[in-house]
Amino acid sequence: MEIGDRFVFLNELGGGTILELDRGRILVAADDGRELWVDQREILPDYEKLSESVSAEPEVAYSTGHGWVIGATVRYLNEPGEGHIVGEGDRGFLVLDEDGFERWFQKSHLVLVDSTLVDEMKSSQTENKDRSFRSYNPRPKKQSQVLEVDLHIHELLEFDSHLSDHEKLMHQLAVARHQIEKARRGHYKKVILIHGVGKGVLKEQIHEMLRGMERIEFYDASLQKYGTGATEVAFR
């Protein structure tokens, strides 16, 4: 998160705007008029506002080639959802997804959304219902979508060296719970919690937390896709 970004509080209602960053501590202006310092673990990006701001930004001058520009919209080849390109590097393209998370993708795992083609397809759909926009890029209904959450600490916090292992773990669990409840409200079918293998502490604590949550079931996610480093949560 950067100065000027919108945020929501993790443990209370409401949000605000970031005013200043100081290695893990953040000065914020809350919507209720308060101006206060908070720990970076106490807030999350306002995902809806983040997505709106990215989509509203014009494409910048430099291009990654053939339409793959910073700010371009892409859809995922192997999963539901879409995002916006915010960077490029040796790992591929850095994509800001609809939930405010930044993830790296290889180009072969993305589909560039050509705005001109989309407009043509929409026009064609109006003229001939048999030529559906879905034929261009199938997209499952909302209730069939899967929300993927990477809980590796470096994906959640910009600065974590000052935190104890216990504090990091508590933040990871808080984010996991927050995202599960968000997915439930958004009528997602499943959530994939990527916790990695490591010593197994995070996985064990996540499973303990999930046992206390109602109307869910959980199990190891796809071994082929995630190895043993992820848990799948399904809503009942």
Protein backbone atom coordinates (compact mmCIF):
# COMPACT_ATOMS: atom_id res chain seq x y z
CA MET A 1 0.00 0.00 0.00
CA GLU A 2 1.09 3.56 -0.70
CA ILE A 3 0.31 7.08 0.48
CA GLY A 4 -3.13 8.05 -0.76
CA ASP A 5 -4.42 4.48 -0.97
CA ARG A 6 -7.77 3.55 0.53
CA PHE A 7 -7.91 0.90 3.27
CA VAL A 8 -10.34 -0.95 5.53
CA PHE A 9 -9.76 -1.83 9.18
CA LEU A 10 -9.18 -5.53 9.80
CA ASN A 11 -10.81 -5.69 13.24
CA GLU A 12 -13.48 -2.97 13.06
CA LEU A 13 -15.89 -1.42 10.60
CA GLY A 14 -14.86 1.45 8.38
CA GLY A 15 -11.73 2.56 6.63
CA GLY A 16 -9.93 5.63 5.40
CA THR A 17 -6.90 6.94 3.54
CA ILE A 18 -3.17 6.39 4.13
CA LEU A 19 -1.26 9.59 4.96
CA GLU A 20 2.23 8.40 5.89
CA LEU A 21 4.31 5.18 5.99
CA ASP A 22 7.00 4.48 8.57
CA ARG A 23 8.37 0.90 8.40
CA GLY A 24 5.38 -1.04 9.56
CA ARG A 25 3.53 1.88 11.17
CA ILE A 26 1.00 3.81 9.11
CA LEU A 27 -0.57 7.21 9.71
CA VAL A 28 -4.16 7.13 8.48
CA ALA A 29 -7.11 9.47 8.17
CA ALA A 30 -10.18 7.45 9.08
CA ASP A 31 -13.52 8.20 7.46
CA ASP A 32 -14.96 9.09 10.88
CA GLY A 33 -12.53 12.02 11.22
CA ARG A 34 -9.83 10.36 13.32
CA GLU A 35 -6.17 10.70 12.40
CA LEU A 36 -4.09 7.97 14.02
CA TRP A 37 -1.07 5.70 13.74
CA VAL A 38 -1.84 2.01 13.20
CA ASP A 39 0.21 -1.12 12.73
CA GLN A 40 0.27 -2.40 9.15
CA ARG A 41 -1.33 -5.62 10.42
CA GLU A 42 -4.46 -3.73 11.49
CA ILE A 43 -5.57 -2.68 8.01
CA LEU A 44 -6.08 -4.19 4.57
CA PRO A 45 -6.33 -2.56 1.15
CA ASP A 46 -9.82 -1.45 0.17
CA TYR A 47 -10.04 -4.02 -2.60
CA GLU A 48 -13.00 -2.47 -4.39
CA LYS A 49 -11.43 0.99 -4.44
CA LEU A 50 -8.07 -0.45 -5.48
CA SER A 51 -9.61 -2.23 -8.44
CA GLU A 52 -11.57 0.87 -9.42
CA SER A 53 -8.50 3.10 -9.27
CA VAL A 54 -6.40 0.74 -11.36
CA SER A 55 -9.09 0.33 -14.00
CA ALA A 56 -9.53 4.10 -14.11
CA GLU A 57 -5.85 4.77 -14.76
CA PRO A 58 -4.92 5.43 -18.40
CA GLU A 59 -2.35 3.15 -19.97
CA VAL A 60 1.15 4.48 -19.42
CA ALA A 61 3.49 5.21 -22.28
CA TYR A 62 5.80 2.24 -22.00
CA SER A 63 4.60 -1.07 -23.33
CA THR A 64 5.51 -4.67 -22.60
CA GLY A 65 4.74 -5.43 -26.24
CA HIS A 66 1.68 -6.22 -28.40
CA GLY A 67 -0.86 -4.70 -26.02
CA TRP A 68 0.69 -6.10 -22.84
CA VAL A 69 0.99 -2.69 -21.20
CA ILE A 70 0.95 -1.56 -17.59
CA GLY A 71 -2.70 -1.06 -16.72
CA ALA A 72 -3.97 -3.58 -19.28
CA THR A 73 -6.72 -5.94 -18.19
CA VAL A 74 -6.00 -9.67 -18.25
CA ARG A 75 -7.99 -12.78 -17.42
CA TYR A 76 -6.58 -15.96 -15.96
CA LEU A 77 -6.29 -18.96 -18.24
CA ASN A 78 -6.65 -21.64 -15.55
CA GLU A 79 -8.95 -19.99 -13.01
CA PRO A 80 -11.85 -17.53 -12.82
CA GLY A 81 -11.29 -13.82 -12.44
CA GLU A 82 -9.28 -11.02 -13.94
CA GLY A 83 -6.83 -8.30 -12.96
CA HIS A 84 -4.62 -5.49 -14.20
CA ILE A 85 -0.94 -5.61 -15.11
CA VAL A 86 1.04 -3.48 -12.66
CA GLY A 87 4.57 -4.67 -13.40
CA GLU A 88 6.84 -6.91 -15.45
CA GLY A 89 9.98 -8.84 -14.53
CA ASP A 90 11.88 -12.09 -14.83
CA ARG A 91 8.95 -13.90 -13.17
CA GLY A 92 6.50 -12.70 -15.82
CA PHE A 93 3.75 -10.16 -15.20
CA LEU A 94 2.73 -8.77 -11.82
CA VAL A 95 -1.07 -8.65 -11.75
CA LEU A 96 -3.29 -6.81 -9.28
CA ASP A 97 -6.37 -9.00 -8.89
CA GLU A 98 -9.95 -8.06 -8.07
CA ASP A 99 -9.31 -8.54 -4.34
CA GLY A 100 -6.33 -6.20 -4.16
CA PHE A 101 -3.63 -8.88 -4.13
CA GLU A 102 -0.59 -8.71 -6.40
CA ARG A 103 0.48 -12.03 -7.94
CA TRP A 104 3.05 -13.07 -10.53
CA PHE A 105 1.92 -14.93 -13.66
CA GLN A 106 3.72 -16.28 -16.69
CA LYS A 107 2.38 -14.80 -19.92
CA SER A 108 1.19 -18.24 -21.00
CA HIS A 109 -1.17 -18.32 -17.99
CA LEU A 110 -2.91 -15.06 -18.92
CA VAL A 111 -5.35 -13.91 -21.60
CA LEU A 112 -5.11 -10.28 -22.67
CA VAL A 113 -8.50 -8.57 -22.77
CA ASP A 114 -8.59 -6.60 -26.02
CA SER A 115 -11.02 -3.75 -25.38
CA THR A 116 -11.63 -3.30 -29.11
CA LEU A 117 -12.45 -6.97 -29.52
CA VAL A 118 -14.70 -6.90 -26.48
CA ASP A 119 -16.65 -3.95 -27.91
CA GLU A 120 -17.00 -5.75 -31.24
CA MET A 121 -18.22 -8.90 -29.53
CA LYS A 122 -20.78 -6.97 -27.46
CA SER A 123 -22.06 -5.29 -30.62
CA SER A 124 -22.24 -8.64 -32.37
CA GLN A 125 -24.13 -10.12 -29.43
CA THR A 126 -26.79 -7.44 -29.78
CA GLU A 127 -27.19 -8.17 -33.49
CA ASN A 128 -27.06 -11.95 -33.18
CA LYS A 129 -27.65 -13.68 -29.85
CA ASP A 130 -26.09 -16.87 -31.20
CA ARG A 131 -22.70 -15.13 -31.24
CA SER A 132 -22.38 -14.80 -27.48
CA PHE A 133 -19.65 -12.82 -25.73
CA ARG A 134 -19.04 -15.95 -23.64
CA SER A 135 -17.58 -17.64 -26.70
CA TYR A 136 -14.69 -15.16 -26.57
CA ASN A 137 -13.72 -15.86 -22.97
CA PRO A 138 -15.87 -18.17 -20.83
CA ARG A 139 -16.39 -16.95 -17.29
CA PRO A 140 -18.08 -19.06 -14.62
CA LYS A 141 -20.99 -17.70 -12.61
CA LYS A 142 -20.04 -15.99 -9.38
CA GLN A 143 -21.08 -18.92 -7.19
CA SER A 144 -18.70 -21.26 -9.03
CA GLN A 145 -15.66 -19.04 -8.55
CA VAL A 146 -12.72 -19.93 -6.37
CA LEU A 147 -10.90 -17.26 -4.35
CA GLU A 148 -7.17 -17.94 -4.01
CA VAL A 149 -5.38 -16.37 -1.02
CA ASP A 150 -1.59 -16.46 -0.65
CA LEU A 151 -0.76 -16.37 3.07
CA HIS A 152 3.02 -16.20 2.76
CA ILE A 153 3.99 -13.34 5.04
CA HIS A 154 5.96 -11.47 2.36
CA GLU A 155 2.77 -11.34 0.29
CA LEU A 156 0.84 -9.75 3.15
CA LEU A 157 3.26 -7.30 4.76
CA GLU A 158 5.83 -4.98 3.24
CA PHE A 159 7.90 -4.93 6.44
CA ASP A 160 7.94 -7.90 8.81
CA SER A 161 11.45 -8.05 10.28
CA HIS A 162 10.28 -6.33 13.48
CA LEU A 163 7.55 -8.91 14.11
CA SER A 164 7.87 -12.05 16.19
CA ASP A 165 6.93 -15.40 14.67
CA HIS A 166 3.78 -15.39 16.79
CA GLU A 167 2.74 -11.94 15.55
CA LYS A 168 3.27 -13.01 11.94
CA LEU A 169 1.18 -16.13 12.53
CA MET A 170 -1.65 -14.16 14.13
CA HIS A 171 -1.74 -11.78 11.17
CA GLN A 172 -1.81 -14.66 8.68
CA LEU A 173 -4.73 -16.25 10.54
CA ALA A 174 -6.60 -12.94 10.69
CA VAL A 175 -6.21 -12.44 6.95
CA ALA A 176 -7.32 -16.02 6.28
CA ARG A 177 -10.48 -15.58 8.36
CA HIS A 178 -11.19 -12.17 6.79
CA GLN A 179 -10.89 -13.55 3.26
CA ILE A 180 -13.05 -16.59 4.02
CA GLU A 181 -15.84 -14.39 5.34
CA LYS A 182 -15.44 -12.03 2.38
CA ALA A 183 -15.71 -14.97 -0.02
CA ARG A 184 -18.80 -16.24 1.80
CA ARG A 185 -20.50 -12.84 1.43
CA GLY A 186 -19.48 -12.73 -2.22
CA HIS A 187 -21.04 -16.14 -2.88
CA TYR A 188 -17.81 -17.80 -3.88
CA LYS A 189 -17.95 -21.57 -3.87
CA LYS A 190 -14.48 -22.23 -2.48
CA VAL A 191 -11.37 -20.57 -1.06
CA ILE A 192 -7.83 -21.83 -1.58
CA LEU A 193 -5.54 -20.88 1.32
CA ILE A 194 -1.91 -21.12 0.19
CA HIS A 195 0.17 -21.61 3.32
CA GLY A 196 3.22 -23.43 1.96
CA VAL A 197 4.87 -26.48 3.47
CA GLY A 198 7.56 -25.23 5.84
CA LYS A 199 7.35 -26.72 9.34
CA GLY A 200 3.60 -27.10 9.07
CA VAL A 201 2.79 -24.66 11.88
CA LEU A 202 0.68 -22.31 9.75
CA LYS A 203 -1.24 -25.19 8.18
CA GLU A 204 -1.94 -26.70 11.59
CA GLN A 205 -3.18 -23.40 12.99
CA ILE A 206 -5.33 -22.72 9.94
CA HIS A 207 -6.96 -26.13 10.27
CA GLU A 208 -7.57 -25.49 13.97
CA MET A 209 -9.24 -22.19 13.11
CA LEU A 210 -11.35 -23.78 10.37
CA ARG A 211 -12.63 -26.45 12.77
CA GLY A 212 -14.27 -23.68 14.76
CA MET A 213 -16.00 -22.06 11.78
CA GLU A 214 -19.56 -22.96 10.81
CA ARG A 215 -20.96 -24.15 7.48
CA ILE A 216 -17.62 -24.99 5.89
CA GLU A 217 -15.60 -28.08 5.13
CA PHE A 218 -11.91 -28.19 4.32
CA TYR A 219 -9.32 -30.55 2.92
CA ASP A 220 -5.96 -30.53 1.16
CA ALA A 221 -6.10 -28.63 -2.13
CA SER A 222 -5.05 -30.14 -5.45
CA LEU A 223 -1.71 -31.91 -5.04
CA GLN A 224 -1.01 -31.45 -8.73
CA LYS A 225 -1.39 -27.67 -8.57
CA TYR A 226 -0.30 -26.81 -5.02
CA GLY A 227 1.62 -29.82 -3.74
CA THR A 228 0.95 -30.12 -0.02
CA GLY A 229 1.09 -26.37 0.52
CA ALA A 230 -2.56 -25.35 0.31
CA THR A 231 -5.93 -26.01 1.93
CA GLU A 232 -9.26 -25.87 0.11
CA VAL A 233 -12.24 -24.47 1.98
CA ALA A 234 -15.74 -25.17 0.64
CA PHE A 235 -18.95 -23.50 1.80
CA ARG A 236 -21.97 -25.61 2.70
